[in-house]
Amino acid sequence: MAETTLFKNLLSRLQAGDHDAGAAVYQQFAARLMALARRKLDPRVREKLDPEDVVQSVFMSFFHRHADGEYEIPNVESLWGLLSLITIRKCGHKIEHFYAACRDVARESKPRALDGDATRFWEAVAQGPTPSQALLLTETLEEVMRPLDARQRQILTLSLQGYEHSEIATQLQCSERTVRRILERVRTQLEQMRGEE
């Protein structure tokens, strides 16, 4: 009897918007609901959707509907049954969503496993420069640009931004030959700096 009174008190507080009551309900059922969602979701769907996301959605739906007075919940077992039902239905909707023809997870292919060297290569490509590398690059560019005049600096800057020689020549109203000559001079200077190291 006392347990039923405590439960009804908890639900009343929950309906009134008491966050502590919501936390208590979450604490009591979240782990079991996540296990249920994990069992109900297809492994391919679990790659796209974490069971915890489903459970968060379950509680959000429950809290809103309970606050609106949609549920009559006489005891803890009824609450567990209701939350389980909402979880199972949400899992079913998510499975339908991810198996719809336009995004069918069954048609996706897994990337091939890479050998150790290839993995290290992609990790290196994916990473940006370290602070010391960025500082070294900045210092090197400053040293290379120091003897250049303003127009030559523009040519180098546009080249570093990926512009073609013809685009640089058009933009700066000079010949492509001038662009190539300036860039060749910079390249030679960089090679000399590299040789001095």
Protein backbone atom coordinates (compact mmCIF):
# COMPACT_ATOMS: atom_id res chain seq x y z
CA MET A 1 0.00 0.00 0.00
CA ALA A 2 2.77 2.44 0.94
CA GLU A 3 4.57 1.60 -2.30
CA THR A 4 1.45 2.44 -4.33
CA THR A 5 1.10 5.75 -2.49
CA LEU A 6 4.74 6.62 -3.19
CA PHE A 7 4.28 5.71 -6.84
CA LYS A 8 1.14 7.84 -7.21
CA ASN A 9 2.96 10.71 -5.48
CA LEU A 10 5.84 10.31 -7.94
CA LEU A 11 3.45 10.41 -10.91
CA SER A 12 1.66 13.47 -9.52
CA ARG A 13 4.96 15.29 -9.13
CA LEU A 14 5.94 14.21 -12.62
CA GLN A 15 2.70 15.53 -14.09
CA ALA A 16 3.31 18.83 -12.28
CA GLY A 17 6.67 19.13 -14.04
CA ASP A 18 8.96 18.11 -11.16
CA HIS A 19 12.37 17.41 -12.73
CA ASP A 20 13.47 15.25 -9.80
CA ALA A 21 10.48 12.98 -10.37
CA GLY A 22 11.41 12.72 -14.06
CA ALA A 23 14.98 11.88 -13.13
CA ALA A 24 13.76 9.17 -10.74
CA VAL A 25 11.62 7.56 -13.46
CA TYR A 26 14.52 7.78 -15.90
CA GLN A 27 16.95 6.23 -13.40
CA GLN A 28 14.60 3.36 -12.70
CA PHE A 29 13.84 2.38 -16.31
CA ALA A 30 16.51 3.75 -18.68
CA ALA A 31 18.96 0.83 -18.55
CA ARG A 32 16.23 -1.78 -19.09
CA LEU A 33 14.73 0.23 -21.95
CA MET A 34 18.15 0.59 -23.62
CA ALA A 35 18.64 -3.17 -23.41
CA LEU A 36 15.18 -3.66 -24.93
CA ALA A 37 15.89 -1.19 -27.73
CA ARG A 38 19.25 -2.86 -28.41
CA ARG A 39 17.48 -6.22 -28.80
CA LYS A 40 14.73 -4.82 -31.02
CA LEU A 41 16.91 -2.76 -33.38
CA ASP A 42 18.51 -4.53 -36.32
CA PRO A 43 22.35 -4.47 -36.16
CA ARG A 44 22.50 -2.41 -39.35
CA VAL A 45 20.10 0.14 -37.90
CA ARG A 46 22.18 0.26 -34.69
CA GLU A 47 25.10 1.46 -36.85
CA LYS A 48 22.98 4.51 -37.69
CA LEU A 49 21.05 4.95 -34.46
CA ASP A 50 22.13 4.40 -30.89
CA PRO A 51 19.56 2.67 -28.64
CA GLU A 52 20.07 5.53 -26.18
CA ASP A 53 18.62 7.92 -28.78
CA VAL A 54 15.49 5.76 -28.96
CA VAL A 55 15.18 5.75 -25.17
CA GLN A 56 15.58 9.53 -25.01
CA SER A 57 12.75 9.82 -27.52
CA VAL A 58 10.65 7.38 -25.47
CA PHE A 59 11.02 9.46 -22.32
CA MET A 60 10.37 12.70 -24.15
CA SER A 61 7.12 11.30 -25.57
CA PHE A 62 6.11 9.82 -22.22
CA PHE A 63 6.83 12.99 -20.22
CA HIS A 64 4.89 15.20 -22.65
CA ARG A 65 1.88 12.89 -22.83
CA HIS A 66 1.85 12.24 -19.10
CA ALA A 67 1.95 16.00 -18.44
CA ASP A 68 -1.07 16.34 -20.73
CA GLY A 69 -2.90 13.70 -18.66
CA GLU A 70 -3.12 11.08 -21.42
CA TYR A 71 -2.13 8.11 -19.25
CA GLU A 72 -3.76 6.33 -16.33
CA ILE A 73 -0.94 4.37 -14.70
CA PRO A 74 -2.02 2.42 -11.61
CA ASN A 75 1.34 0.86 -10.67
CA VAL A 76 5.01 0.46 -11.51
CA GLU A 77 4.38 -2.63 -13.64
CA SER A 78 1.92 -0.66 -15.78
CA LEU A 79 4.50 2.10 -16.24
CA TRP A 80 7.12 -0.46 -17.30
CA GLY A 81 4.62 -1.99 -19.74
CA LEU A 82 3.79 1.42 -21.20
CA LEU A 83 7.44 2.47 -21.58
CA SER A 84 8.26 -0.93 -23.13
CA LEU A 85 5.43 -0.58 -25.62
CA ILE A 86 6.53 2.94 -26.61
CA THR A 87 10.11 1.66 -27.01
CA ILE A 88 9.09 -1.28 -29.20
CA ARG A 89 6.94 0.95 -31.40
CA LYS A 90 9.68 3.56 -31.77
CA CYS A 91 12.17 0.82 -32.69
CA GLY A 92 9.72 -0.43 -35.32
CA HIS A 93 9.32 3.06 -36.76
CA LYS A 94 13.09 3.54 -36.89
CA ILE A 95 13.57 0.18 -38.62
CA GLU A 96 10.94 1.15 -41.21
CA HIS A 97 12.66 4.52 -41.65
CA PHE A 98 16.11 3.06 -42.27
CA TYR A 99 14.84 0.27 -44.52
CA ALA A 100 12.79 2.60 -46.72
CA ALA A 101 13.82 2.21 -50.37
CA CYS A 102 15.55 5.58 -50.52
CA ARG A 103 17.86 4.85 -47.58
CA ASP A 104 17.81 1.05 -47.29
CA VAL A 105 20.65 0.10 -44.94
CA ALA A 106 20.63 -3.42 -46.37
CA ARG A 107 21.93 -2.01 -49.66
CA GLU A 108 24.88 -0.23 -48.06
CA SER A 109 28.32 -1.74 -48.38
CA LYS A 110 30.93 -1.71 -45.68
CA PRO A 111 34.30 -0.11 -46.44
CA ARG A 112 37.07 -2.63 -46.93
CA ALA A 113 39.45 -3.06 -44.06
CA LEU A 114 42.68 -1.23 -44.72
CA ASP A 115 46.09 -2.64 -44.00
CA GLY A 116 48.23 -0.86 -41.40
CA ASP A 117 50.12 1.36 -43.86
CA ALA A 118 46.98 2.56 -45.61
CA THR A 119 45.30 3.32 -42.30
CA ARG A 120 48.28 5.39 -41.14
CA PHE A 121 48.25 7.22 -44.48
CA TRP A 122 44.59 8.22 -44.15
CA GLU A 123 45.04 9.21 -40.52
CA ALA A 124 47.94 11.44 -41.52
CA VAL A 125 45.93 13.01 -44.34
CA ALA A 126 42.96 13.60 -42.08
CA GLN A 127 44.95 15.45 -39.44
CA GLY A 128 45.73 19.12 -39.74
CA PRO A 129 49.18 20.51 -39.07
CA THR A 130 50.48 20.50 -35.54
CA PRO A 131 51.11 23.92 -33.98
CA SER A 132 54.85 23.55 -34.57
CA GLN A 133 54.27 22.60 -38.22
CA ALA A 134 51.96 25.59 -38.69
CA LEU A 135 54.57 27.89 -37.13
CA LEU A 136 57.31 26.45 -39.37
CA LEU A 137 55.13 26.95 -42.46
CA THR A 138 54.36 30.55 -41.49
CA GLU A 139 58.02 31.35 -40.87
CA THR A 140 59.05 29.72 -44.16
CA LEU A 141 56.44 31.65 -46.13
CA GLU A 142 57.51 34.92 -44.51
CA GLU A 143 61.13 34.20 -45.40
CA VAL A 144 60.23 33.31 -49.00
CA MET A 145 58.02 36.38 -49.44
CA ARG A 146 60.44 38.86 -47.85
CA PRO A 147 62.48 39.59 -51.04
CA LEU A 148 59.37 39.62 -53.28
CA ASP A 149 57.60 42.81 -54.32
CA ALA A 150 53.83 43.22 -53.90
CA ARG A 151 52.93 41.79 -57.32
CA GLN A 152 55.18 38.77 -56.85
CA ARG A 153 53.60 38.14 -53.43
CA GLN A 154 50.15 38.22 -55.04
CA ILE A 155 51.28 35.65 -57.62
CA LEU A 156 52.59 33.33 -54.91
CA THR A 157 49.50 33.82 -52.73
CA LEU A 158 47.10 33.04 -55.60
CA SER A 159 49.16 30.00 -56.55
CA LEU A 160 49.01 28.71 -52.97
CA GLN A 161 45.24 29.21 -53.06
CA GLY A 162 45.05 26.82 -56.02
CA TYR A 163 44.63 29.18 -58.97
CA GLU A 164 45.99 28.07 -62.36
CA HIS A 165 48.77 30.07 -64.02
CA SER A 166 46.34 31.39 -66.65
CA GLU A 167 43.87 32.54 -63.97
CA ILE A 168 46.62 34.33 -62.05
CA ALA A 169 47.86 36.03 -65.23
CA THR A 170 44.35 37.20 -66.11
CA GLN A 171 43.59 38.43 -62.60
CA LEU A 172 46.89 40.35 -62.25
CA GLN A 173 47.05 41.42 -65.91
CA CYS A 174 50.45 39.90 -66.63
CA SER A 175 51.69 37.08 -68.86
CA GLU A 176 51.65 33.42 -67.90
CA ARG A 177 55.38 33.43 -68.54
CA THR A 178 55.82 36.01 -65.75
CA VAL A 179 53.74 33.88 -63.40
CA ARG A 180 55.79 30.76 -64.19
CA ARG A 181 59.08 32.68 -63.81
CA ILE A 182 58.13 34.06 -60.37
CA LEU A 183 56.93 30.68 -59.13
CA GLU A 184 60.08 28.99 -60.45
CA ARG A 185 62.19 31.54 -58.54
CA VAL A 186 60.26 30.76 -55.34
CA ARG A 187 60.65 27.02 -55.94
CA THR A 188 64.43 27.47 -56.37
CA GLN A 189 64.61 29.52 -53.17
CA LEU A 190 62.71 26.81 -51.26
CA GLU A 191 65.05 24.11 -52.58
CA GLN A 192 68.05 26.17 -51.48
CA MET A 193 66.56 26.59 -48.01
CA ARG A 194 65.91 22.87 -47.84
CA GLY A 195 69.50 22.11 -48.88
CA GLU A 196 70.83 24.36 -46.11
CA GLU A 197 69.03 22.36 -43.41
